[in-house]
Amino acid sequence: MNAPSQGFRDRVIAAAEAALEAGGSVGPLELFQFMGLLQPVHFEGWRKGNEHFRVLEAWIQVGPEKFEKALRCFGEWVQARGLRPIEAPYTRRTPRGVEQLQVTADGNPEREKFYRTHYAPAALTERKTKQLAEKLSKPPDLVVFEKVSEEGNCSECGAELLRGSYLFMEKGQPLCLACADLDHLIFLPAGDVALTRRARKHSPLSAVVVRFSRARKRYERQGLLVTSAALAQAEAECAADAPERAARRVQAAVLRQGEDSEFIPAVTRAIAEQYPACPPAEARAIAEHTALRGSGRVGRSAAGRALDPRAIELAVIAHLRHTHTNYDELLMQGAERLDARARVRERIEQVLAAWSRS
């Protein structure tokens, strides 16, 4: 195997540094995500137990030789930075408890340990190291789907699942809430952040409710399923400190306005530096769009706030997809999202190349 080129080594190091900055630690799976070799949607699907992504290793888009080169560069970087290893398994939540996920098809112990080993600054205290390990091992929320189609049945009891009813997916099969052991929970609509946060805190079992939007072609959060006792306790707490929270919201809004007035110009400058030939008006439009508070866009992510080059690139690509290609038209014609993205990729790469020229 040939030695990694300096350009490839720099790419690995930049991704590792960005991942470490974003999450406080970095492991192989985080490295591959920041390098663009593992799509976050595949990683999240695996964390949630989606059967389609059960063998996550197969979704890492890199050949064996490049894989080994990346890990060699990563190992050298870890050693040079003096990072300490933290072993933290990836887990997922089920109605019956928490289970550990595996990355490989055969569950090879040594390879599984390799994937679940993260690296963090050696200066971390024992308490912070423990907190980080707990955070890394914390499973994602349970997800319950609000049915939008007419037909369907529970795979276990055969009960009809009507439009608007809730279902839970287990190993790729739909379950009614009774069979999923979630039928004792009650629905709390989204909207009140404090009430939702407190209800989740007090509920020994909870699940996020999502519904698929055909117009936006994505799942959108509708609310939370919690125990009735947890909701009652949360409502009492919110009623008790409502005036104090209202005052804090006003103060926080003033602070956020000042932050955003500085952040949008900073994103605009970062785009201009990374893509010198990008028209100034488009750079400003991209910055304003991606930095919109509460949008969930790239600019609002931790990497985006840190002006990470990869986050800037993703924001520019998203802009090009909608403004310089027929992507939206393809979606309106019924094309699948991933297929539509593949069909416009060449055009996006052409514009990126043109904008990258100084």
Protein backbone atom coordinates (compact mmCIF):
# COMPACT_ATOMS: atom_id res chain seq x y z
CA MET A 1 0.00 0.00 0.00
CA ASN A 2 1.38 3.40 -1.00
CA ALA A 3 1.89 6.07 1.65
CA PRO A 4 -0.95 8.60 1.96
CA SER A 5 -0.41 11.80 -0.02
CA GLN A 6 0.02 15.05 1.88
CA GLY A 7 -3.28 16.29 0.51
CA PHE A 8 -5.11 13.21 1.80
CA ARG A 9 -3.34 13.46 5.15
CA ASP A 10 -4.39 17.10 5.45
CA ARG A 11 -7.98 16.14 4.65
CA VAL A 12 -8.02 13.50 7.40
CA ILE A 13 -6.50 15.89 9.95
CA ALA A 14 -8.93 18.70 9.05
CA ALA A 15 -11.90 16.33 9.45
CA ALA A 16 -10.57 14.97 12.75
CA GLU A 17 -9.99 18.46 14.15
CA ALA A 18 -13.48 19.56 13.09
CA ALA A 19 -15.09 16.48 14.65
CA LEU A 20 -13.15 16.98 17.88
CA GLU A 21 -14.15 20.64 18.00
CA ALA A 22 -17.81 19.85 17.32
CA GLY A 23 -18.28 16.96 19.74
CA GLY A 24 -15.46 17.12 22.27
CA SER A 25 -14.23 13.73 21.07
CA VAL A 26 -13.75 11.88 17.81
CA GLY A 27 -13.98 8.23 16.78
CA PRO A 28 -13.72 6.47 13.41
CA LEU A 29 -17.41 6.92 12.56
CA GLU A 30 -17.31 10.65 13.34
CA LEU A 31 -14.13 10.98 11.28
CA PHE A 32 -15.73 9.33 8.26
CA GLN A 33 -18.79 11.58 8.56
CA PHE A 34 -16.69 14.75 8.58
CA MET A 35 -14.71 13.42 5.62
CA GLY A 36 -17.95 12.91 3.72
CA LEU A 37 -17.40 9.13 3.51
CA LEU A 38 -20.35 8.24 5.76
CA GLN A 39 -23.60 10.13 5.33
CA PRO A 40 -25.11 11.46 8.59
CA VAL A 41 -28.55 10.22 7.49
CA HIS A 42 -27.17 6.67 7.28
CA PHE A 43 -25.52 7.00 10.69
CA GLU A 44 -28.70 8.34 12.28
CA GLY A 45 -30.79 5.63 10.65
CA TRP A 46 -28.45 3.02 12.14
CA ARG A 47 -28.64 4.66 15.59
CA LYS A 48 -32.43 4.46 15.43
CA GLY A 49 -32.39 0.76 14.54
CA ASN A 50 -33.43 1.09 10.89
CA GLU A 51 -32.97 -2.39 9.41
CA HIS A 52 -31.84 -0.86 6.11
CA PHE A 53 -28.67 0.41 7.80
CA ARG A 54 -28.18 -2.52 10.19
CA VAL A 55 -24.62 -3.20 8.95
CA LEU A 56 -23.31 0.36 9.09
CA GLU A 57 -19.80 -0.59 7.96
CA ALA A 58 -21.19 -1.37 4.52
CA TRP A 59 -22.35 2.25 4.18
CA ILE A 60 -18.88 3.74 4.63
CA GLN A 61 -18.15 4.89 1.08
CA VAL A 62 -14.45 4.06 0.83
CA GLY A 63 -12.35 1.21 -0.54
CA PRO A 64 -10.10 -0.99 1.65
CA GLU A 65 -6.85 0.80 0.74
CA LYS A 66 -8.23 4.29 1.31
CA PHE A 67 -9.86 3.06 4.52
CA GLU A 68 -6.52 1.88 5.90
CA LYS A 69 -4.77 5.08 4.82
CA ALA A 70 -7.38 7.19 6.59
CA LEU A 71 -7.02 5.19 9.79
CA ARG A 72 -3.22 5.37 9.62
CA CYS A 73 -3.35 9.17 9.33
CA PHE A 74 -5.98 9.32 12.06
CA GLY A 75 -3.87 7.19 14.42
CA GLU A 76 -0.82 9.36 13.85
CA TRP A 77 -2.88 12.48 14.50
CA VAL A 78 -4.30 11.01 17.74
CA GLN A 79 -0.79 10.21 18.95
CA ALA A 80 0.57 13.63 17.99
CA ARG A 81 -2.31 15.38 19.79
CA GLY A 82 -1.85 13.22 22.89
CA LEU A 83 -5.53 12.27 23.04
CA ARG A 84 -6.86 9.68 25.47
CA PRO A 85 -9.12 6.78 24.43
CA ILE A 86 -12.67 6.53 25.75
CA GLU A 87 -14.61 3.36 25.07
CA ALA A 88 -18.30 4.11 24.63
CA PRO A 89 -20.69 1.69 22.88
CA TYR A 90 -23.36 2.97 20.51
CA THR A 91 -26.84 2.11 21.72
CA ARG A 92 -30.45 2.42 20.66
CA ARG A 93 -33.60 2.67 22.69
CA THR A 94 -36.48 0.19 22.41
CA PRO A 95 -39.79 0.08 24.30
CA ARG A 96 -38.34 -2.80 26.33
CA GLY A 97 -34.99 -1.19 27.16
CA VAL A 98 -31.65 -0.16 25.67
CA GLU A 99 -29.66 -2.44 23.37
CA GLN A 100 -26.11 -2.14 22.04
CA LEU A 101 -25.60 -1.64 18.31
CA GLN A 102 -22.91 -3.29 16.22
CA VAL A 103 -21.16 -1.76 13.23
CA THR A 104 -19.91 -4.90 11.49
CA ALA A 105 -21.84 -7.74 9.90
CA ASP A 106 -20.23 -10.48 12.02
CA GLY A 107 -19.83 -8.55 15.28
CA ASN A 108 -16.06 -9.13 15.39
CA PRO A 109 -15.08 -8.11 18.96
CA GLU A 110 -11.80 -6.41 18.03
CA ARG A 111 -13.33 -4.46 15.16
CA GLU A 112 -16.37 -3.47 17.22
CA LYS A 113 -14.05 -2.18 19.97
CA PHE A 114 -12.16 -0.19 17.35
CA TYR A 115 -15.36 1.53 16.20
CA ARG A 116 -16.63 2.34 19.69
CA THR A 117 -13.32 3.86 20.86
CA HIS A 118 -13.36 7.65 20.85
CA TYR A 119 -10.50 10.03 21.56
CA ALA A 120 -10.68 13.12 23.76
CA PRO A 121 -8.20 15.64 25.20
CA ALA A 122 -5.99 14.13 27.90
CA ALA A 123 -6.61 17.18 30.11
CA LEU A 124 -10.25 16.19 30.73
CA THR A 125 -11.02 15.54 34.39
CA GLU A 126 -12.36 12.14 35.43
CA ARG A 127 -15.79 13.66 36.00
CA LYS A 128 -15.91 15.23 32.53
CA THR A 129 -14.55 12.05 30.97
CA LYS A 130 -17.36 10.07 32.59
CA GLN A 131 -19.94 12.63 31.42
CA LEU A 132 -18.58 12.45 27.88
CA ALA A 133 -18.71 8.64 27.85
CA GLU A 134 -22.33 8.75 29.07
CA LYS A 135 -23.20 11.29 26.37
CA LEU A 136 -21.61 9.17 23.64
CA SER A 137 -23.48 6.06 24.79
CA LYS A 138 -26.83 7.80 25.24
CA PRO A 139 -29.33 6.21 22.82
CA PRO A 140 -31.49 8.35 20.50
CA ASP A 141 -35.14 8.91 21.32
CA LEU A 142 -37.74 6.31 20.50
CA VAL A 143 -39.67 7.40 17.40
CA VAL A 144 -43.38 6.82 16.82
CA PHE A 145 -44.87 7.53 13.39
CA GLU A 146 -48.24 9.14 12.76
CA LYS A 147 -49.76 7.20 9.87
CA VAL A 148 -50.49 9.24 6.73
CA SER A 149 -51.67 6.42 4.43
CA GLU A 150 -54.98 4.56 4.54
CA GLU A 151 -53.97 0.91 4.73
CA GLY A 152 -51.83 -1.09 7.12
CA ASN A 153 -51.91 -3.59 9.94
CA CYS A 154 -49.90 -4.33 13.05
CA SER A 155 -47.41 -7.07 12.23
CA GLU A 156 -47.95 -8.73 15.61
CA CYS A 157 -51.67 -8.62 16.44
CA GLY A 158 -53.07 -7.75 13.01
CA ALA A 159 -54.96 -4.67 14.24
CA GLU A 160 -55.84 -2.21 11.47
CA LEU A 161 -53.69 0.93 11.51
CA LEU A 162 -55.86 3.79 10.25
CA ARG A 163 -54.70 7.16 8.97
CA GLY A 164 -53.76 9.36 11.93
CA SER A 165 -53.03 6.42 14.22
CA TYR A 166 -49.59 5.85 15.72
CA LEU A 167 -47.23 3.01 14.91
CA PHE A 168 -43.77 1.94 16.04
CA MET A 169 -41.29 0.28 13.67
CA GLU A 170 -39.42 -2.73 15.07
CA LYS A 171 -36.99 -4.60 12.79
CA GLY A 172 -38.65 -3.05 9.77
CA GLN A 173 -42.18 -4.13 10.78
CA PRO A 174 -45.02 -1.88 12.03
CA LEU A 175 -46.43 -2.39 15.52
CA CYS A 176 -49.47 -0.79 17.09
CA LEU A 177 -48.71 1.03 20.34
CA ALA A 178 -50.27 -1.76 22.40
CA CYS A 179 -47.91 -4.38 20.97
CA ALA A 180 -44.99 -1.94 21.30
CA ASP A 181 -45.84 -1.43 25.01
CA LEU A 182 -46.34 2.30 24.45
CA ASP A 183 -50.13 2.52 24.68
CA HIS A 184 -50.03 3.83 28.27
CA LEU A 185 -48.38 7.08 27.12
CA ILE A 186 -50.28 10.27 26.26
CA PHE A 187 -49.55 12.77 23.50
CA LEU A 188 -48.02 16.18 24.26
CA PRO A 189 -48.08 18.43 21.14
CA ALA A 190 -44.91 20.28 20.18
CA GLY A 191 -44.73 24.01 20.85
CA ASP A 192 -44.04 24.56 24.55
CA VAL A 193 -40.30 23.97 24.93
CA ALA A 194 -40.21 24.14 28.73
CA LEU A 195 -43.20 21.83 29.15
CA THR A 196 -41.76 19.32 26.67
CA ARG A 197 -38.32 19.36 28.31
CA ARG A 198 -39.71 18.83 31.79
CA ALA A 199 -42.22 16.18 30.75
CA ARG A 200 -39.45 14.23 29.04
CA LYS A 201 -37.25 14.57 32.13
CA HIS A 202 -39.91 13.18 34.45
CA SER A 203 -41.21 10.44 32.15
CA PRO A 204 -39.49 7.06 32.62
CA LEU A 205 -40.46 6.21 29.03
CA SER A 206 -41.05 8.66 26.19
CA ALA A 207 -41.17 8.71 22.39
CA VAL A 208 -40.98 11.42 19.75
CA VAL A 209 -43.96 11.51 17.37
CA VAL A 210 -43.22 12.38 13.72
CA ARG A 211 -45.34 12.62 10.58
CA PHE A 212 -44.17 12.47 6.98
CA SER A 213 -44.76 15.65 4.98
CA ARG A 214 -45.33 14.79 1.33
CA ALA A 215 -44.82 18.44 0.36
CA ARG A 216 -41.41 18.69 2.02
CA LYS A 217 -40.54 15.00 1.59
CA ARG A 218 -39.33 14.61 5.15
CA TYR A 219 -40.50 13.60 8.62
CA GLU A 220 -41.58 16.47 10.85
CA ARG A 221 -41.84 16.39 14.62
CA GLN A 222 -45.38 16.58 16.00
CA GLY A 223 -44.85 16.15 19.72
CA LEU A 224 -43.96 13.70 22.45
CA LEU A 225 -45.53 10.67 24.10
CA VAL A 226 -45.05 10.73 27.89
CA THR A 227 -46.67 9.30 30.99
CA SER A 228 -49.65 11.19 32.41
CA ALA A 229 -47.86 11.61 35.76
CA ALA A 230 -44.84 13.19 34.07
CA LEU A 231 -47.04 15.63 32.15
CA ALA A 232 -48.92 16.65 35.30
CA GLN A 233 -45.65 17.29 37.16
CA ALA A 234 -44.24 19.29 34.23
CA GLU A 235 -47.40 21.42 33.99
CA ALA A 236 -47.21 22.22 37.71
CA GLU A 237 -43.56 23.27 37.45
CA CYS A 238 -44.21 25.47 34.40
CA ALA A 239 -47.11 27.22 36.13
CA ALA A 240 -44.93 27.94 39.17
CA ASP A 241 -42.10 29.74 37.35
CA ALA A 242 -43.85 31.20 34.28
CA PRO A 243 -43.04 34.91 35.08
CA GLU A 244 -39.32 34.20 35.55
CA ARG A 245 -39.11 32.26 32.28
CA ALA A 246 -40.89 35.06 30.39
CA ALA A 247 -38.33 37.60 31.63
CA ARG A 248 -35.44 35.33 30.63
CA ARG A 249 -36.90 34.91 27.13
CA VAL A 250 -36.97 38.67 26.58
CA GLN A 251 -33.36 39.01 27.72
CA ALA A 252 -32.24 36.08 25.57
CA ALA A 253 -33.97 37.52 22.48
CA VAL A 254 -31.98 40.74 22.80
CA LEU A 255 -28.72 38.79 23.06
CA ARG A 256 -29.57 36.58 20.06
CA GLN A 257 -30.31 39.59 17.87
CA GLY A 258 -26.79 40.90 18.51
CA GLU A 259 -25.25 37.49 17.81
CA ASP A 260 -27.05 37.08 14.47
CA SER A 261 -26.07 40.57 13.29
CA GLU A 262 -22.44 39.44 13.58
CA PHE A 263 -22.89 35.83 12.41
CA ILE A 264 -24.41 36.47 8.97
CA PRO A 265 -21.53 38.74 7.79
CA ALA A 266 -19.06 36.17 9.15
CA VAL A 267 -20.71 33.39 7.11
CA THR A 268 -20.71 35.65 4.04
CA ARG A 269 -16.97 36.26 4.43
CA ALA A 270 -16.31 32.54 4.93
CA ILE A 271 -18.19 31.72 1.71
CA ALA A 272 -16.22 34.39 -0.19
CA GLU A 273 -12.92 33.01 1.12
CA GLN A 274 -13.81 29.42 0.22
CA TYR A 275 -15.42 30.33 -3.12
CA PRO A 276 -13.74 33.54 -4.35
CA ALA A 277 -15.74 33.68 -7.59
CA CYS A 278 -19.12 33.36 -5.88
CA PRO A 279 -21.18 36.50 -6.64
CA PRO A 280 -21.35 38.66 -3.47
CA ALA A 281 -25.14 38.84 -3.62
CA GLU A 282 -25.40 35.05 -3.69
CA ALA A 283 -22.89 34.68 -0.85
CA ARG A 284 -25.02 37.02 1.27
CA ALA A 285 -28.23 35.18 0.31
CA ILE A 286 -26.70 31.82 1.24
CA ALA A 287 -25.53 33.21 4.58
CA GLU A 288 -28.94 34.69 5.43
CA HIS A 289 -30.74 31.49 4.45
CA THR A 290 -28.47 29.02 6.22
CA ALA A 291 -28.13 31.15 9.36
CA LEU A 292 -31.87 31.56 9.92
CA ARG A 293 -32.47 30.78 13.59
CA GLY A 294 -34.69 27.78 14.24
CA SER A 295 -34.42 26.54 10.66
CA GLY A 296 -32.38 23.42 11.44
CA ARG A 297 -30.13 24.29 8.51
CA VAL A 298 -26.39 23.72 8.26
CA GLY A 299 -25.56 27.21 9.49
CA ARG A 300 -27.37 26.60 12.78
CA SER A 301 -25.39 23.43 13.53
CA ALA A 302 -22.32 23.41 15.78
CA ALA A 303 -20.07 23.02 12.74
CA GLY A 304 -21.86 25.86 10.98
CA ARG A 305 -21.52 28.18 13.96
CA ALA A 306 -17.81 27.38 13.98
CA LEU A 307 -17.62 28.22 10.23
CA ASP A 308 -16.30 24.75 9.47
CA PRO A 309 -15.32 24.49 5.76
CA ARG A 310 -17.42 21.35 5.29
CA ALA A 311 -20.48 23.10 6.77
CA ILE A 312 -19.92 26.07 4.44
CA GLU A 313 -19.61 23.69 1.48
CA LEU A 314 -22.88 21.94 2.38
CA ALA A 315 -24.67 25.28 2.66
CA VAL A 316 -23.42 26.37 -0.77
CA ILE A 317 -24.36 23.00 -2.30
CA ALA A 318 -27.89 23.26 -0.88
CA HIS A 319 -28.23 26.74 -2.41
CA LEU A 320 -26.97 25.57 -5.80
CA ARG A 321 -29.28 22.57 -5.77
CA HIS A 322 -32.35 24.81 -5.54
CA THR A 323 -31.20 27.81 -7.62
CA HIS A 324 -28.81 26.49 -10.29
CA THR A 325 -30.37 23.11 -11.17
CA ASN A 326 -33.78 21.61 -11.96
CA TYR A 327 -33.79 19.75 -8.61
CA ASP A 328 -37.09 21.25 -7.40
CA GLU A 329 -38.71 20.47 -10.76
CA LEU A 330 -37.56 16.83 -10.51
CA LEU A 331 -39.13 16.54 -7.05
CA MET A 332 -42.39 18.01 -8.35
CA GLN A 333 -42.36 15.38 -11.10
CA GLY A 334 -42.21 12.65 -8.45
CA ALA A 335 -38.49 11.83 -8.48
CA GLU A 336 -37.05 10.33 -5.29
CA ARG A 337 -34.93 12.80 -3.32
CA LEU A 338 -31.67 10.83 -3.52
CA ASP A 339 -32.18 10.10 -7.22
CA ALA A 340 -32.87 13.78 -7.92
CA ARG A 341 -29.72 14.76 -6.04
CA ALA A 342 -27.65 12.31 -8.07
CA ARG A 343 -29.02 13.71 -11.33
CA VAL A 344 -28.04 17.31 -10.49
CA ARG A 345 -24.69 16.51 -8.85
CA GLU A 346 -22.62 17.09 -12.00
CA ARG A 347 -24.08 20.57 -12.51
CA ILE A 348 -23.41 21.47 -8.87
CA GLU A 349 -19.81 20.31 -9.16
CA GLN A 350 -19.38 22.48 -12.26
CA VAL A 351 -20.56 25.60 -10.43
CA LEU A 352 -18.46 24.78 -7.36
CA ALA A 353 -15.39 24.44 -9.56
CA ALA A 354 -16.12 27.76 -11.24
CA TRP A 355 -16.70 29.55 -7.93
CA SER A 356 -13.52 28.09 -6.45
CA ARG A 357 -11.32 29.87 -8.99
CA SER A 358 -9.73 33.02 -7.61
